[in-house]
Amino acid sequence: METYFIELFPLAEETIPPLYAYALIGSKEEIDQIQGKFFFHLKKEIPGYWVFLKDKIISHRKLEEGEKNRFLESLWTRFPSIFGGVRDFAPITDWIPTSWEKGEFVRQAIIQPAQKEIFQSFTKLERDFGRARVEFLLFSRSWLVEDRPAIFLDCSPRLISRENLNTLLKKEKNRDWRGKQVTLIGETFRGKILQ
């Protein structure tokens, strides 16, 4: 797959608001099992930008103790079997965000929600050729450039055949298909035909 364009946008760290980190407190086994569900409810029920990174949740919001307690009590009441093992959602007071964490916060909180709108501007470039069509894939990542956060955008075209691989191979038996790239339908997983 060829890349249509790559853009790297350095972030001015001074424009990123102060960030706060929080950790779920409870047994590691229980926390590992429920952290995704907890994060889902947190984003849905407490306004603001919330980003899940490994073992912490970061936000631009400093969560007030009362609001946090009401949220936890609500989860314990509504979903005791799921969140009963969570003892607290505590601030990580000695946490200092790295440049990468700042960039990842911006990417997940700001860029990803807008990615659909950004992507729609590329739909007018898509073409239909009858037996195949071209669509564009947009990816974003946070990078460090000279230890400063940056957002990397990659837009790549993808040729989609209307015929599946099996039909195409039967139709053109004499063609050498080795080394050609194939992608699973509806996925970004791809590989080469070896035999």
C-alpha atoms as a PDB file:
ATOM      1  CA  MET A   1       0.000   0.000   0.000  1.00  0.00           C
ATOM      2  CA  GLU A   2       1.441   3.328  -1.013  1.00  0.00           C
ATOM      3  CA  THR A   3       1.101   6.319   1.227  1.00  0.00           C
ATOM      4  CA  TYR A   4      -0.866   9.225  -0.180  1.00  0.00           C
ATOM      5  CA  PHE A   5       0.462  11.649   2.374  1.00  0.00           C
ATOM      6  CA  ILE A   6       2.066  11.789   5.786  1.00  0.00           C
ATOM      7  CA  GLU A   7       1.898  14.854   7.967  1.00  0.00           C
ATOM      8  CA  LEU A   8       3.631  15.457  11.259  1.00  0.00           C
ATOM      9  CA  PHE A   9       2.167  18.183  13.439  1.00  0.00           C
ATOM     10  CA  PRO A  10       4.336  19.330  16.346  1.00  0.00           C
ATOM     11  CA  LEU A  11       2.306  20.271  19.412  1.00  0.00           C
ATOM     12  CA  ALA A  12       3.013  23.393  21.403  1.00  0.00           C
ATOM     13  CA  GLU A  13       3.230  21.899  24.888  1.00  0.00           C
ATOM     14  CA  GLU A  14       2.275  25.195  26.485  1.00  0.00           C
ATOM     15  CA  THR A  15      -1.161  24.948  24.823  1.00  0.00           C
ATOM     16  CA  ILE A  16      -1.872  21.545  26.370  1.00  0.00           C
ATOM     17  CA  PRO A  17      -3.798  22.042  29.613  1.00  0.00           C
ATOM     18  CA  PRO A  18      -2.471  20.664  32.900  1.00  0.00           C
ATOM     19  CA  LEU A  19      -3.113  16.922  32.993  1.00  0.00           C
ATOM     20  CA  TYR A  20      -4.035  14.720  35.932  1.00  0.00           C
ATOM     21  CA  ALA A  21      -3.612  10.969  36.279  1.00  0.00           C
ATOM     22  CA  TYR A  22      -5.831   8.546  38.173  1.00  0.00           C
ATOM     23  CA  ALA A  23      -5.528   4.883  39.071  1.00  0.00           C
ATOM     24  CA  LEU A  24      -8.108   2.274  39.936  1.00  0.00           C
ATOM     25  CA  ILE A  25      -7.437   0.827  43.369  1.00  0.00           C
ATOM     26  CA  GLY A  26      -8.318  -2.800  44.033  1.00  0.00           C
ATOM     27  CA  SER A  27      -6.887  -6.246  43.430  1.00  0.00           C
ATOM     28  CA  LYS A  28      -4.795  -6.327  40.258  1.00  0.00           C
ATOM     29  CA  GLU A  29      -6.729  -9.288  38.828  1.00  0.00           C
ATOM     30  CA  GLU A  30     -10.085  -7.560  39.283  1.00  0.00           C
ATOM     31  CA  ILE A  31      -8.832  -4.213  37.990  1.00  0.00           C
ATOM     32  CA  ASP A  32      -7.345  -5.852  34.883  1.00  0.00           C
ATOM     33  CA  GLN A  33     -10.743  -7.397  34.118  1.00  0.00           C
ATOM     34  CA  ILE A  34     -12.941  -4.339  34.642  1.00  0.00           C
ATOM     35  CA  GLN A  35     -10.807  -1.335  33.676  1.00  0.00           C
ATOM     36  CA  GLY A  36     -12.291  -1.118  30.165  1.00  0.00           C
ATOM     37  CA  LYS A  37     -15.842  -1.137  31.546  1.00  0.00           C
ATOM     38  CA  PHE A  38     -14.897   1.419  34.181  1.00  0.00           C
ATOM     39  CA  PHE A  39     -13.383   3.674  31.528  1.00  0.00           C
ATOM     40  CA  PHE A  40     -16.535   3.358  29.392  1.00  0.00           C
ATOM     41  CA  HIS A  41     -18.753   4.535  32.267  1.00  0.00           C
ATOM     42  CA  LEU A  42     -16.316   7.270  33.268  1.00  0.00           C
ATOM     43  CA  LYS A  43     -16.302   8.791  29.759  1.00  0.00           C
ATOM     44  CA  LYS A  44     -20.068   8.470  29.506  1.00  0.00           C
ATOM     45  CA  GLU A  45     -20.954   9.874  32.929  1.00  0.00           C
ATOM     46  CA  ILE A  46     -18.327  12.471  33.832  1.00  0.00           C
ATOM     47  CA  PRO A  47     -17.856  15.329  31.356  1.00  0.00           C
ATOM     48  CA  GLY A  48     -14.415  16.097  30.024  1.00  0.00           C
ATOM     49  CA  TYR A  49     -11.648  14.414  28.104  1.00  0.00           C
ATOM     50  CA  TRP A  50     -10.581  11.051  29.517  1.00  0.00           C
ATOM     51  CA  VAL A  51      -7.788   8.943  28.059  1.00  0.00           C
ATOM     52  CA  PHE A  52      -6.833   5.424  29.113  1.00  0.00           C
ATOM     53  CA  LEU A  53      -3.087   4.732  29.009  1.00  0.00           C
ATOM     54  CA  LYS A  54      -1.804   1.382  30.290  1.00  0.00           C
ATOM     55  CA  ASP A  55      -2.272   1.501  34.047  1.00  0.00           C
ATOM     56  CA  LYS A  56      -3.675   5.019  34.362  1.00  0.00           C
ATOM     57  CA  ILE A  57      -6.468   7.260  33.184  1.00  0.00           C
ATOM     58  CA  ILE A  58      -5.497  10.823  32.376  1.00  0.00           C
ATOM     59  CA  SER A  59      -7.637  13.909  32.022  1.00  0.00           C
ATOM     60  CA  HIS A  60      -7.503  17.666  31.848  1.00  0.00           C
ATOM     61  CA  ARG A  61      -9.968  17.632  34.746  1.00  0.00           C
ATOM     62  CA  LYS A  62      -9.012  17.601  38.363  1.00  0.00           C
ATOM     63  CA  LEU A  63     -11.797  15.441  39.712  1.00  0.00           C
ATOM     64  CA  GLU A  64     -13.415  16.772  42.868  1.00  0.00           C
ATOM     65  CA  GLU A  65     -13.617  14.280  45.733  1.00  0.00           C
ATOM     66  CA  GLY A  66     -17.415  14.534  46.010  1.00  0.00           C
ATOM     67  CA  GLU A  67     -17.982  13.990  42.289  1.00  0.00           C
ATOM     68  CA  LYS A  68     -15.616  11.023  42.307  1.00  0.00           C
ATOM     69  CA  ASN A  69     -17.348   9.459  45.323  1.00  0.00           C
ATOM     70  CA  ARG A  70     -20.822   9.905  43.795  1.00  0.00           C
ATOM     71  CA  PHE A  71     -19.605   8.260  40.591  1.00  0.00           C
ATOM     72  CA  LEU A  72     -18.066   5.297  42.449  1.00  0.00           C
ATOM     73  CA  GLU A  73     -21.146   4.839  44.645  1.00  0.00           C
ATOM     74  CA  SER A  74     -23.331   4.887  41.551  1.00  0.00           C
ATOM     75  CA  LEU A  75     -21.232   2.135  39.944  1.00  0.00           C
ATOM     76  CA  TRP A  76     -21.225   0.066  43.138  1.00  0.00           C
ATOM     77  CA  THR A  77     -25.026   0.378  43.410  1.00  0.00           C
ATOM     78  CA  ARG A  78     -25.838  -0.309  39.755  1.00  0.00           C
ATOM     79  CA  PHE A  79     -23.167  -2.932  39.028  1.00  0.00           C
ATOM     80  CA  PRO A  80     -22.042  -4.487  42.322  1.00  0.00           C
ATOM     81  CA  SER A  81     -20.835  -7.731  40.745  1.00  0.00           C
ATOM     82  CA  ILE A  82     -18.624  -5.844  38.275  1.00  0.00           C
ATOM     83  CA  PHE A  83     -17.299  -2.887  40.271  1.00  0.00           C
ATOM     84  CA  GLY A  84     -17.598  -4.207  43.829  1.00  0.00           C
ATOM     85  CA  GLY A  85     -13.847  -4.876  43.948  1.00  0.00           C
ATOM     86  CA  VAL A  86     -12.917  -1.283  43.097  1.00  0.00           C
ATOM     87  CA  ARG A  87     -11.886   0.403  46.332  1.00  0.00           C
ATOM     88  CA  ASP A  88     -11.054   3.805  44.882  1.00  0.00           C
ATOM     89  CA  PHE A  89     -10.295   5.858  41.800  1.00  0.00           C
ATOM     90  CA  ALA A  90      -7.388   7.807  43.200  1.00  0.00           C
ATOM     91  CA  PRO A  91      -5.265  10.629  41.828  1.00  0.00           C
ATOM     92  CA  ILE A  92      -1.630   9.746  41.173  1.00  0.00           C
ATOM     93  CA  THR A  93      -0.215  12.738  42.999  1.00  0.00           C
ATOM     94  CA  ASP A  94       3.452  12.331  42.024  1.00  0.00           C
ATOM     95  CA  TRP A  95       2.728  11.834  38.306  1.00  0.00           C
ATOM     96  CA  ILE A  96       4.403  14.184  35.850  1.00  0.00           C
ATOM     97  CA  PRO A  97       3.226  13.626  32.270  1.00  0.00           C
ATOM     98  CA  THR A  98       5.869  12.757  29.723  1.00  0.00           C
ATOM     99  CA  SER A  99       5.879  14.506  26.365  1.00  0.00           C
ATOM    100  CA  TRP A 100       4.578  11.315  24.761  1.00  0.00           C
ATOM    101  CA  GLU A 101       1.684  11.101  27.254  1.00  0.00           C
ATOM    102  CA  LYS A 102       0.780  14.706  26.465  1.00  0.00           C
ATOM    103  CA  GLY A 103       0.777  13.929  22.745  1.00  0.00           C
ATOM    104  CA  GLU A 104      -1.235  10.753  23.238  1.00  0.00           C
ATOM    105  CA  PHE A 105      -3.767  12.687  25.315  1.00  0.00           C
ATOM    106  CA  VAL A 106      -4.217  15.188  22.457  1.00  0.00           C
ATOM    107  CA  ARG A 107      -4.429  12.380  19.889  1.00  0.00           C
ATOM    108  CA  GLN A 108      -7.045  10.343  21.745  1.00  0.00           C
ATOM    109  CA  ALA A 109      -9.053  13.231  23.189  1.00  0.00           C
ATOM    110  CA  ILE A 110      -8.995  15.719  20.304  1.00  0.00           C
ATOM    111  CA  ILE A 111      -7.753  14.141  17.062  1.00  0.00           C
ATOM    112  CA  GLN A 112      -9.502  10.746  17.157  1.00  0.00           C
ATOM    113  CA  PRO A 113     -13.004  12.187  17.629  1.00  0.00           C
ATOM    114  CA  ALA A 114     -12.355  14.568  14.704  1.00  0.00           C
ATOM    115  CA  GLN A 115     -10.742  11.854  12.574  1.00  0.00           C
ATOM    116  CA  LYS A 116     -14.078  10.947  10.979  1.00  0.00           C
ATOM    117  CA  GLU A 117     -14.550  14.538   9.783  1.00  0.00           C
ATOM    118  CA  ILE A 118     -10.963  14.665   8.540  1.00  0.00           C
ATOM    119  CA  PHE A 119     -11.488  11.369   6.741  1.00  0.00           C
ATOM    120  CA  GLN A 120     -14.686  12.565   5.048  1.00  0.00           C
ATOM    121  CA  SER A 121     -12.673  15.157   3.157  1.00  0.00           C
ATOM    122  CA  PHE A 122     -10.884  12.258   1.438  1.00  0.00           C
ATOM    123  CA  THR A 123     -14.042  10.447   0.341  1.00  0.00           C
ATOM    124  CA  LYS A 124     -14.319  12.746  -2.677  1.00  0.00           C
ATOM    125  CA  LEU A 125     -10.968  11.339  -3.837  1.00  0.00           C
ATOM    126  CA  GLU A 126     -12.273   7.770  -3.795  1.00  0.00           C
ATOM    127  CA  ARG A 127     -12.833   6.256  -7.219  1.00  0.00           C
ATOM    128  CA  ASP A 128     -14.884   3.365  -8.535  1.00  0.00           C
ATOM    129  CA  PHE A 129     -13.437   1.462 -11.508  1.00  0.00           C
ATOM    130  CA  GLY A 130     -16.125  -1.191 -11.864  1.00  0.00           C
ATOM    131  CA  ARG A 131     -14.133  -4.311 -10.929  1.00  0.00           C
ATOM    132  CA  ALA A 132     -12.303  -2.392  -8.200  1.00  0.00           C
ATOM    133  CA  ARG A 133     -12.509   0.772  -6.175  1.00  0.00           C
ATOM    134  CA  VAL A 134     -10.027   2.948  -4.286  1.00  0.00           C
ATOM    135  CA  GLU A 135     -10.684   4.037  -0.721  1.00  0.00           C
ATOM    136  CA  PHE A 136      -8.483   5.868   1.765  1.00  0.00           C
ATOM    137  CA  LEU A 137      -7.417   4.854   5.266  1.00  0.00           C
ATOM    138  CA  LEU A 138      -6.447   7.465   7.825  1.00  0.00           C
ATOM    139  CA  PHE A 139      -4.284   6.660  10.841  1.00  0.00           C
ATOM    140  CA  SER A 140      -3.055   8.896  13.628  1.00  0.00           C
ATOM    141  CA  ARG A 141      -0.290   8.283  16.126  1.00  0.00           C
ATOM    142  CA  SER A 142       1.501  10.321  18.735  1.00  0.00           C
ATOM    143  CA  TRP A 143       5.211  10.729  18.173  1.00  0.00           C
ATOM    144  CA  LEU A 144       8.122  12.484  19.776  1.00  0.00           C
ATOM    145  CA  VAL A 145      10.233  14.851  17.716  1.00  0.00           C
ATOM    146  CA  GLU A 146      13.303  15.993  19.615  1.00  0.00           C
ATOM    147  CA  ASP A 147      11.533  14.945  22.835  1.00  0.00           C
ATOM    148  CA  ARG A 148       8.512  17.126  22.047  1.00  0.00           C
ATOM    149  CA  PRO A 149       5.011  15.763  21.346  1.00  0.00           C
ATOM    150  CA  ALA A 150       3.743  15.578  17.782  1.00  0.00           C
ATOM    151  CA  ILE A 151       0.770  14.057  15.984  1.00  0.00           C
ATOM    152  CA  PHE A 152       1.454  11.886  12.947  1.00  0.00           C
ATOM    153  CA  LEU A 153      -1.299  11.543  10.318  1.00  0.00           C
ATOM    154  CA  ASP A 154      -1.017   8.933   7.580  1.00  0.00           C
ATOM    155  CA  CYS A 155      -3.452   8.743   4.676  1.00  0.00           C
ATOM    156  CA  SER A 156      -3.044   5.679   2.465  1.00  0.00           C
ATOM    157  CA  PRO A 157      -5.080   4.556  -0.553  1.00  0.00           C
ATOM    158  CA  ARG A 158      -6.366   1.004  -0.659  1.00  0.00           C
ATOM    159  CA  LEU A 159      -7.452  -0.785  -3.841  1.00  0.00           C
ATOM    160  CA  ILE A 160     -10.488  -2.973  -3.182  1.00  0.00           C
ATOM    161  CA  SER A 161     -11.325  -5.682  -5.706  1.00  0.00           C
ATOM    162  CA  ARG A 162     -14.999  -6.531  -6.143  1.00  0.00           C
ATOM    163  CA  GLU A 163     -13.977 -10.151  -6.680  1.00  0.00           C
ATOM    164  CA  ASN A 164     -12.723 -12.200  -3.781  1.00  0.00           C
ATOM    165  CA  LEU A 165      -9.240 -13.677  -3.914  1.00  0.00           C
ATOM    166  CA  ASN A 166     -10.434 -17.233  -4.564  1.00  0.00           C
ATOM    167  CA  THR A 167     -12.480 -16.165  -7.617  1.00  0.00           C
ATOM    168  CA  LEU A 168      -9.647 -14.036  -8.924  1.00  0.00           C
ATOM    169  CA  LEU A 169      -7.098 -16.857  -8.559  1.00  0.00           C
ATOM    170  CA  LYS A 170      -9.364 -19.308 -10.412  1.00  0.00           C
ATOM    171  CA  LYS A 171     -10.066 -16.800 -13.161  1.00  0.00           C
ATOM    172  CA  GLU A 172      -6.417 -15.976 -13.802  1.00  0.00           C
ATOM    173  CA  LYS A 173      -4.698 -19.307 -13.115  1.00  0.00           C
ATOM    174  CA  ASN A 174      -1.613 -18.580 -15.194  1.00  0.00           C
ATOM    175  CA  ARG A 175      -0.761 -15.312 -13.488  1.00  0.00           C
ATOM    176  CA  ASP A 176       2.024 -15.309 -10.896  1.00  0.00           C
ATOM    177  CA  TRP A 177       0.413 -13.931  -7.732  1.00  0.00           C
ATOM    178  CA  ARG A 178       3.422 -14.430  -5.447  1.00  0.00           C
ATOM    179  CA  GLY A 179       4.498 -11.256  -3.680  1.00  0.00           C
ATOM    180  CA  LYS A 180       1.152  -9.482  -4.177  1.00  0.00           C
ATOM    181  CA  GLN A 181      -0.358  -7.753  -1.146  1.00  0.00           C
ATOM    182  CA  VAL A 182      -3.761  -8.893   0.117  1.00  0.00           C
ATOM    183  CA  THR A 183      -5.918  -7.400   2.858  1.00  0.00           C
ATOM    184  CA  LEU A 184      -8.766  -9.014   4.748  1.00  0.00           C
ATOM    185  CA  ILE A 185     -12.116  -7.490   3.791  1.00  0.00           C
ATOM    186  CA  GLY A 186     -13.121  -4.798   6.266  1.00  0.00           C
ATOM    187  CA  GLU A 187      -9.800  -4.995   8.119  1.00  0.00           C
ATOM    188  CA  THR A 188      -6.393  -3.369   8.015  1.00  0.00           C
ATOM    189  CA  PHE A 189      -4.589  -6.719   8.382  1.00  0.00           C
ATOM    190  CA  ARG A 190      -2.611  -7.527   5.268  1.00  0.00           C
ATOM    191  CA  GLY A 191       0.003  -9.939   4.015  1.00  0.00           C
ATOM    192  CA  LYS A 192       1.745 -11.289   0.927  1.00  0.00           C
ATOM    193  CA  ILE A 193       0.838 -14.295  -1.178  1.00  0.00           C
ATOM    194  CA  LEU A 194       3.756 -16.685  -0.806  1.00  0.00           C
ATOM    195  CA  GLN A 195       2.721 -19.732  -2.849  1.00  0.00           C
END
